[in-house]
């Protein structure tokens, strides 16, 4: 579940970099959330992706 959310957030961030500058703040929030999810999985000792 968390890995799916992380992948979706990373994809949305990538699309945001390509598509629009106006959504830049929102996209960077999504990136931070994706990184947090990945870090939580690493700390818990689970497979990252």
PDB file of N, CA and C in Angstrom:
ATOM      1  N   UNK A   1       0.832  -1.194   0.000  1.00  0.00           N
ATOM      2  CA  UNK A   1       0.000   0.000   0.000  1.00  0.00           C
ATOM      3  C   UNK A   1       0.875   1.256   0.000  1.00  0.00           C
ATOM      4  N   UNK A   2       1.828   1.316   0.918  1.00  0.00           N
ATOM      5  CA  UNK A   2       2.685   2.501   0.989  1.00  0.00           C
ATOM      6  C   UNK A   2       3.559   2.634  -0.248  1.00  0.00           C
ATOM      7  N   UNK A   3       4.022   1.513  -0.772  1.00  0.00           N
ATOM      8  CA  UNK A   3       4.869   1.606  -1.961  1.00  0.00           C
ATOM      9  C   UNK A   3       4.066   2.106  -3.156  1.00  0.00           C
ATOM     10  N   UNK A   4       2.803   1.744  -3.246  1.00  0.00           N
ATOM     11  CA  UNK A   4       1.952   2.239  -4.320  1.00  0.00           C
ATOM     12  C   UNK A   4       1.765   3.741  -4.200  1.00  0.00           C
ATOM     13  N   UNK A   5       1.532   4.217  -2.988  1.00  0.00           N
ATOM     14  CA  UNK A   5       1.380   5.651  -2.760  1.00  0.00           C
ATOM     15  C   UNK A   5       2.665   6.384  -3.118  1.00  0.00           C
ATOM     16  N   UNK A   6       3.800   5.832  -2.724  1.00  0.00           N
ATOM     17  CA  UNK A   6       5.082   6.465  -3.026  1.00  0.00           C
ATOM     18  C   UNK A   6       5.307   6.553  -4.530  1.00  0.00           C
ATOM     19  N   UNK A   7       4.998   5.493  -5.248  1.00  0.00           N
ATOM     20  CA  UNK A   7       5.186   5.489  -6.699  1.00  0.00           C
ATOM     21  C   UNK A   7       4.264   6.512  -7.356  1.00  0.00           C
ATOM     22  N   UNK A   8       3.007   6.552  -6.929  1.00  0.00           N
ATOM     23  CA  UNK A   8       2.060   7.512  -7.484  1.00  0.00           C
ATOM     24  C   UNK A   8       2.528   8.941  -7.233  1.00  0.00           C
ATOM     25  N   UNK A   9       2.990   9.217  -6.022  1.00  0.00           N
ATOM     26  CA  UNK A   9       3.456  10.564  -5.706  1.00  0.00           C
ATOM     27  C   UNK A   9       4.681  10.947  -6.530  1.00  0.00           C
ATOM     28  N   UNK A  10       5.593  10.013  -6.731  1.00  0.00           N
ATOM     29  CA  UNK A  10       6.776  10.298  -7.548  1.00  0.00           C
ATOM     30  C   UNK A  10       6.397  10.544  -9.003  1.00  0.00           C
ATOM     31  N   UNK A  11       5.453   9.790  -9.520  1.00  0.00           N
ATOM     32  CA  UNK A  11       5.001   9.995 -10.898  1.00  0.00           C
ATOM     33  C   UNK A  11       4.329  11.362 -11.039  1.00  0.00           C
ATOM     34  N   UNK A  12       3.480  11.712 -10.084  1.00  0.00           N
ATOM     35  CA  UNK A  12       2.828  13.017 -10.128  1.00  0.00           C
ATOM     36  C   UNK A  12       3.840  14.148 -10.046  1.00  0.00           C
ATOM     37  N   UNK A  13       4.876  13.969  -9.239  1.00  0.00           N
ATOM     38  CA  UNK A  13       5.923  14.986  -9.136  1.00  0.00           C
ATOM     39  C   UNK A  13       6.644  15.135 -10.469  1.00  0.00           C
ATOM     40  N   UNK A  14       6.975  14.021 -11.091  1.00  0.00           N
ATOM     41  CA  UNK A  14       7.643  14.062 -12.387  1.00  0.00           C
ATOM     42  C   UNK A  14       6.791  14.746 -13.442  1.00  0.00           C
ATOM     43  N   UNK A  15       5.499  14.440 -13.462  1.00  0.00           N
ATOM     44  CA  UNK A  15       4.601  15.092 -14.404  1.00  0.00           C
ATOM     45  C   UNK A  15       4.494  16.586 -14.117  1.00  0.00           C
ATOM     46  N   UNK A  16       4.524  16.937 -12.870  1.00  0.00           N
ATOM     47  CA  UNK A  16       4.452  18.349 -12.485  1.00  0.00           C
ATOM     48  C   UNK A  16       5.661  19.138 -12.939  1.00  0.00           C
ATOM     49  N   UNK A  17       6.831  18.514 -12.912  1.00  0.00           N
ATOM     50  CA  UNK A  17       8.035  19.190 -13.389  1.00  0.00           C
ATOM     51  C   UNK A  17       7.940  19.476 -14.882  1.00  0.00           C
ATOM     52  N   UNK A  18       7.310  18.578 -15.610  1.00  0.00           N
ATOM     53  CA  UNK A  18       7.210  18.717 -17.062  1.00  0.00           C
ATOM     54  C   UNK A  18       6.076  19.667 -17.443  1.00  0.00           C
ATOM     55  N   UNK A  19       4.951  19.593 -16.746  1.00  0.00           N
ATOM     56  CA  UNK A  19       3.733  20.242 -17.225  1.00  0.00           C
ATOM     57  C   UNK A  19       3.563  21.699 -16.807  1.00  0.00           C
ATOM     58  N   UNK A  20       3.696  22.021 -15.541  1.00  0.00           N
ATOM     59  CA  UNK A  20       3.264  23.348 -15.112  1.00  0.00           C
ATOM     60  C   UNK A  20       4.115  23.877 -13.974  1.00  0.00           C
ATOM     61  N   UNK A  21       4.392  25.155 -14.053  1.00  0.00           N
ATOM     62  CA  UNK A  21       5.131  25.808 -12.976  1.00  0.00           C
ATOM     63  C   UNK A  21       4.176  26.237 -11.872  1.00  0.00           C
ATOM     64  N   UNK A  22       2.925  26.510 -12.228  1.00  0.00           N
ATOM     65  CA  UNK A  22       1.967  27.021 -11.252  1.00  0.00           C
ATOM     66  C   UNK A  22       1.657  26.017 -10.139  1.00  0.00           C
ATOM     67  N   UNK A  23       1.766  24.742 -10.443  1.00  0.00           N
ATOM     68  CA  UNK A  23       1.508  23.709  -9.436  1.00  0.00           C
ATOM     69  C   UNK A  23       2.785  23.272  -8.728  1.00  0.00           C
ATOM     70  N   UNK A  24       3.865  24.011  -8.918  1.00  0.00           N
ATOM     71  CA  UNK A  24       5.162  23.622  -8.377  1.00  0.00           C
ATOM     72  C   UNK A  24       5.154  23.380  -6.880  1.00  0.00           C
ATOM     73  N   UNK A  25       4.508  24.250  -6.119  1.00  0.00           N
ATOM     74  CA  UNK A  25       4.470  24.076  -4.667  1.00  0.00           C
ATOM     75  C   UNK A  25       3.764  22.796  -4.262  1.00  0.00           C
ATOM     76  N   UNK A  26       2.640  22.519  -4.896  1.00  0.00           N
ATOM     77  CA  UNK A  26       1.868  21.310  -4.600  1.00  0.00           C
ATOM     78  C   UNK A  26       2.659  20.062  -4.968  1.00  0.00           C
ATOM     79  N   UNK A  27       3.329  20.102  -6.101  1.00  0.00           N
ATOM     80  CA  UNK A  27       4.095  18.958  -6.558  1.00  0.00           C
ATOM     81  C   UNK A  27       5.259  18.683  -5.612  1.00  0.00           C
ATOM     82  N   UNK A  28       5.884  19.723  -5.109  1.00  0.00           N
ATOM     83  CA  UNK A  28       6.996  19.510  -4.186  1.00  0.00           C
ATOM     84  C   UNK A  28       6.511  18.949  -2.846  1.00  0.00           C
ATOM     85  N   UNK A  29       5.304  19.317  -2.435  1.00  0.00           N
ATOM     86  CA  UNK A  29       4.724  18.706  -1.236  1.00  0.00           C
ATOM     87  C   UNK A  29       4.525  17.211  -1.472  1.00  0.00           C
ATOM     88  N   UNK A  30       4.055  16.844  -2.665  1.00  0.00           N
ATOM     89  CA  UNK A  30       3.887  15.430  -2.993  1.00  0.00           C
ATOM     90  C   UNK A  30       5.228  14.701  -2.972  1.00  0.00           C
ATOM     91  N   UNK A  31       6.271  15.348  -3.465  1.00  0.00           N
ATOM     92  CA  UNK A  31       7.599  14.737  -3.453  1.00  0.00           C
ATOM     93  C   UNK A  31       8.067  14.488  -2.022  1.00  0.00           C
ATOM     94  N   UNK A  32       7.872  15.459  -1.166  1.00  0.00           N
ATOM     95  CA  UNK A  32       8.282  15.306   0.238  1.00  0.00           C
ATOM     96  C   UNK A  32       7.518  14.153   0.886  1.00  0.00           C
ATOM     97  N   UNK A  33       6.225  14.048   0.598  1.00  0.00           N
ATOM     98  CA  UNK A  33       5.433  12.942   1.147  1.00  0.00           C
ATOM     99  C   UNK A  33       5.943  11.592   0.640  1.00  0.00           C
ATOM    100  N   UNK A  34       6.306  11.523  -0.629  1.00  0.00           N
ATOM    101  CA  UNK A  34       6.830  10.272  -1.183  1.00  0.00           C
ATOM    102  C   UNK A  34       8.141   9.888  -0.507  1.00  0.00           C
ATOM    103  N   UNK A  35       9.003  10.856  -0.275  1.00  0.00           N
ATOM    104  CA  UNK A  35      10.282  10.581   0.389  1.00  0.00           C
ATOM    105  C   UNK A  35      10.047  10.114   1.818  1.00  0.00           C
ATOM    106  N   UNK A  36       9.109  10.726   2.509  1.00  0.00           N
ATOM    107  CA  UNK A  36       8.788  10.319   3.878  1.00  0.00           C
ATOM    108  C   UNK A  36       8.291   8.877   3.909  1.00  0.00           C
ATOM    109  N   UNK A  37       7.422   8.523   2.955  1.00  0.00           N
ATOM    110  CA  UNK A  37       6.901   7.155   2.894  1.00  0.00           C
ATOM    111  C   UNK A  37       8.037   6.158   2.671  1.00  0.00           C
ATOM    112  N   UNK A  38       8.945   6.484   1.762  1.00  0.00           N
ATOM    113  CA  UNK A  38      10.071   5.590   1.493  1.00  0.00           C
ATOM    114  C   UNK A  38      10.962   5.463   2.725  1.00  0.00           C
ATOM    115  N   UNK A  39      11.235   6.573   3.402  1.00  0.00           N
ATOM    116  CA  UNK A  39      12.066   6.525   4.612  1.00  0.00           C
ATOM    117  C   UNK A  39      11.421   5.692   5.710  1.00  0.00           C
ATOM    118  N   UNK A  40      10.110   5.809   5.870  1.00  0.00           N
ATOM    119  CA  UNK A  40       9.410   5.011   6.883  1.00  0.00           C
ATOM    120  C   UNK A  40       9.557   3.532   6.566  1.00  0.00           C
ATOM    121  N   UNK A  41       9.446   3.168   5.289  1.00  0.00           N
ATOM    122  CA  UNK A  41       9.597   1.764   4.909  1.00  0.00           C
ATOM    123  C   UNK A  41      11.018   1.276   5.165  1.00  0.00           C
ATOM    124  N   UNK A  42      12.014   2.102   4.896  1.00  0.00           N
ATOM    125  CA  UNK A  42      13.405   1.712   5.139  1.00  0.00           C
ATOM    126  C   UNK A  42      13.641   1.526   6.632  1.00  0.00           C
ATOM    127  N   UNK A  43      13.126   2.436   7.443  1.00  0.00           N
ATOM    128  CA  UNK A  43      13.297   2.343   8.895  1.00  0.00           C
ATOM    129  C   UNK A  43      12.616   1.093   9.439  1.00  0.00           C
ATOM    130  N   UNK A  44      11.459   0.738   8.869  1.00  0.00           N
ATOM    131  CA  UNK A  44      10.744  -0.448   9.315  1.00  0.00           C
ATOM    132  C   UNK A  44      11.398  -1.730   8.813  1.00  0.00           C
ATOM    133  N   UNK A  45      12.360  -1.614   7.906  1.00  0.00           N
ATOM    134  CA  UNK A  45      13.069  -2.776   7.410  1.00  0.00           C
ATOM    135  C   UNK A  45      12.358  -3.504   6.307  1.00  0.00           C
ATOM    136  N   UNK A  46      11.414  -2.854   5.650  1.00  0.00           N
ATOM    137  CA  UNK A  46      10.687  -3.485   4.554  1.00  0.00           C
ATOM    138  C   UNK A  46      11.340  -3.142   3.232  1.00  0.00           C
ATOM    139  N   UNK A  47      10.943  -3.885   2.193  1.00  0.00           N
ATOM    140  CA  UNK A  47      11.420  -3.608   0.837  1.00  0.00           C
ATOM    141  C   UNK A  47      10.910  -2.231   0.421  1.00  0.00           C
ATOM    142  N   UNK A  48      11.785  -1.405  -0.167  1.00  0.00           N
ATOM    143  CA  UNK A  48      11.424  -0.023  -0.473  1.00  0.00           C
ATOM    144  C   UNK A  48      10.436   0.057  -1.623  1.00  0.00           C
ATOM    145  N   UNK A  49      10.772  -0.528  -2.780  1.00  0.00           N
ATOM    146  CA  UNK A  49       9.855  -0.446  -3.929  1.00  0.00           C
ATOM    147  C   UNK A  49       9.563  -1.807  -4.487  1.00  0.00           C
TER     148      UNK A  49
END
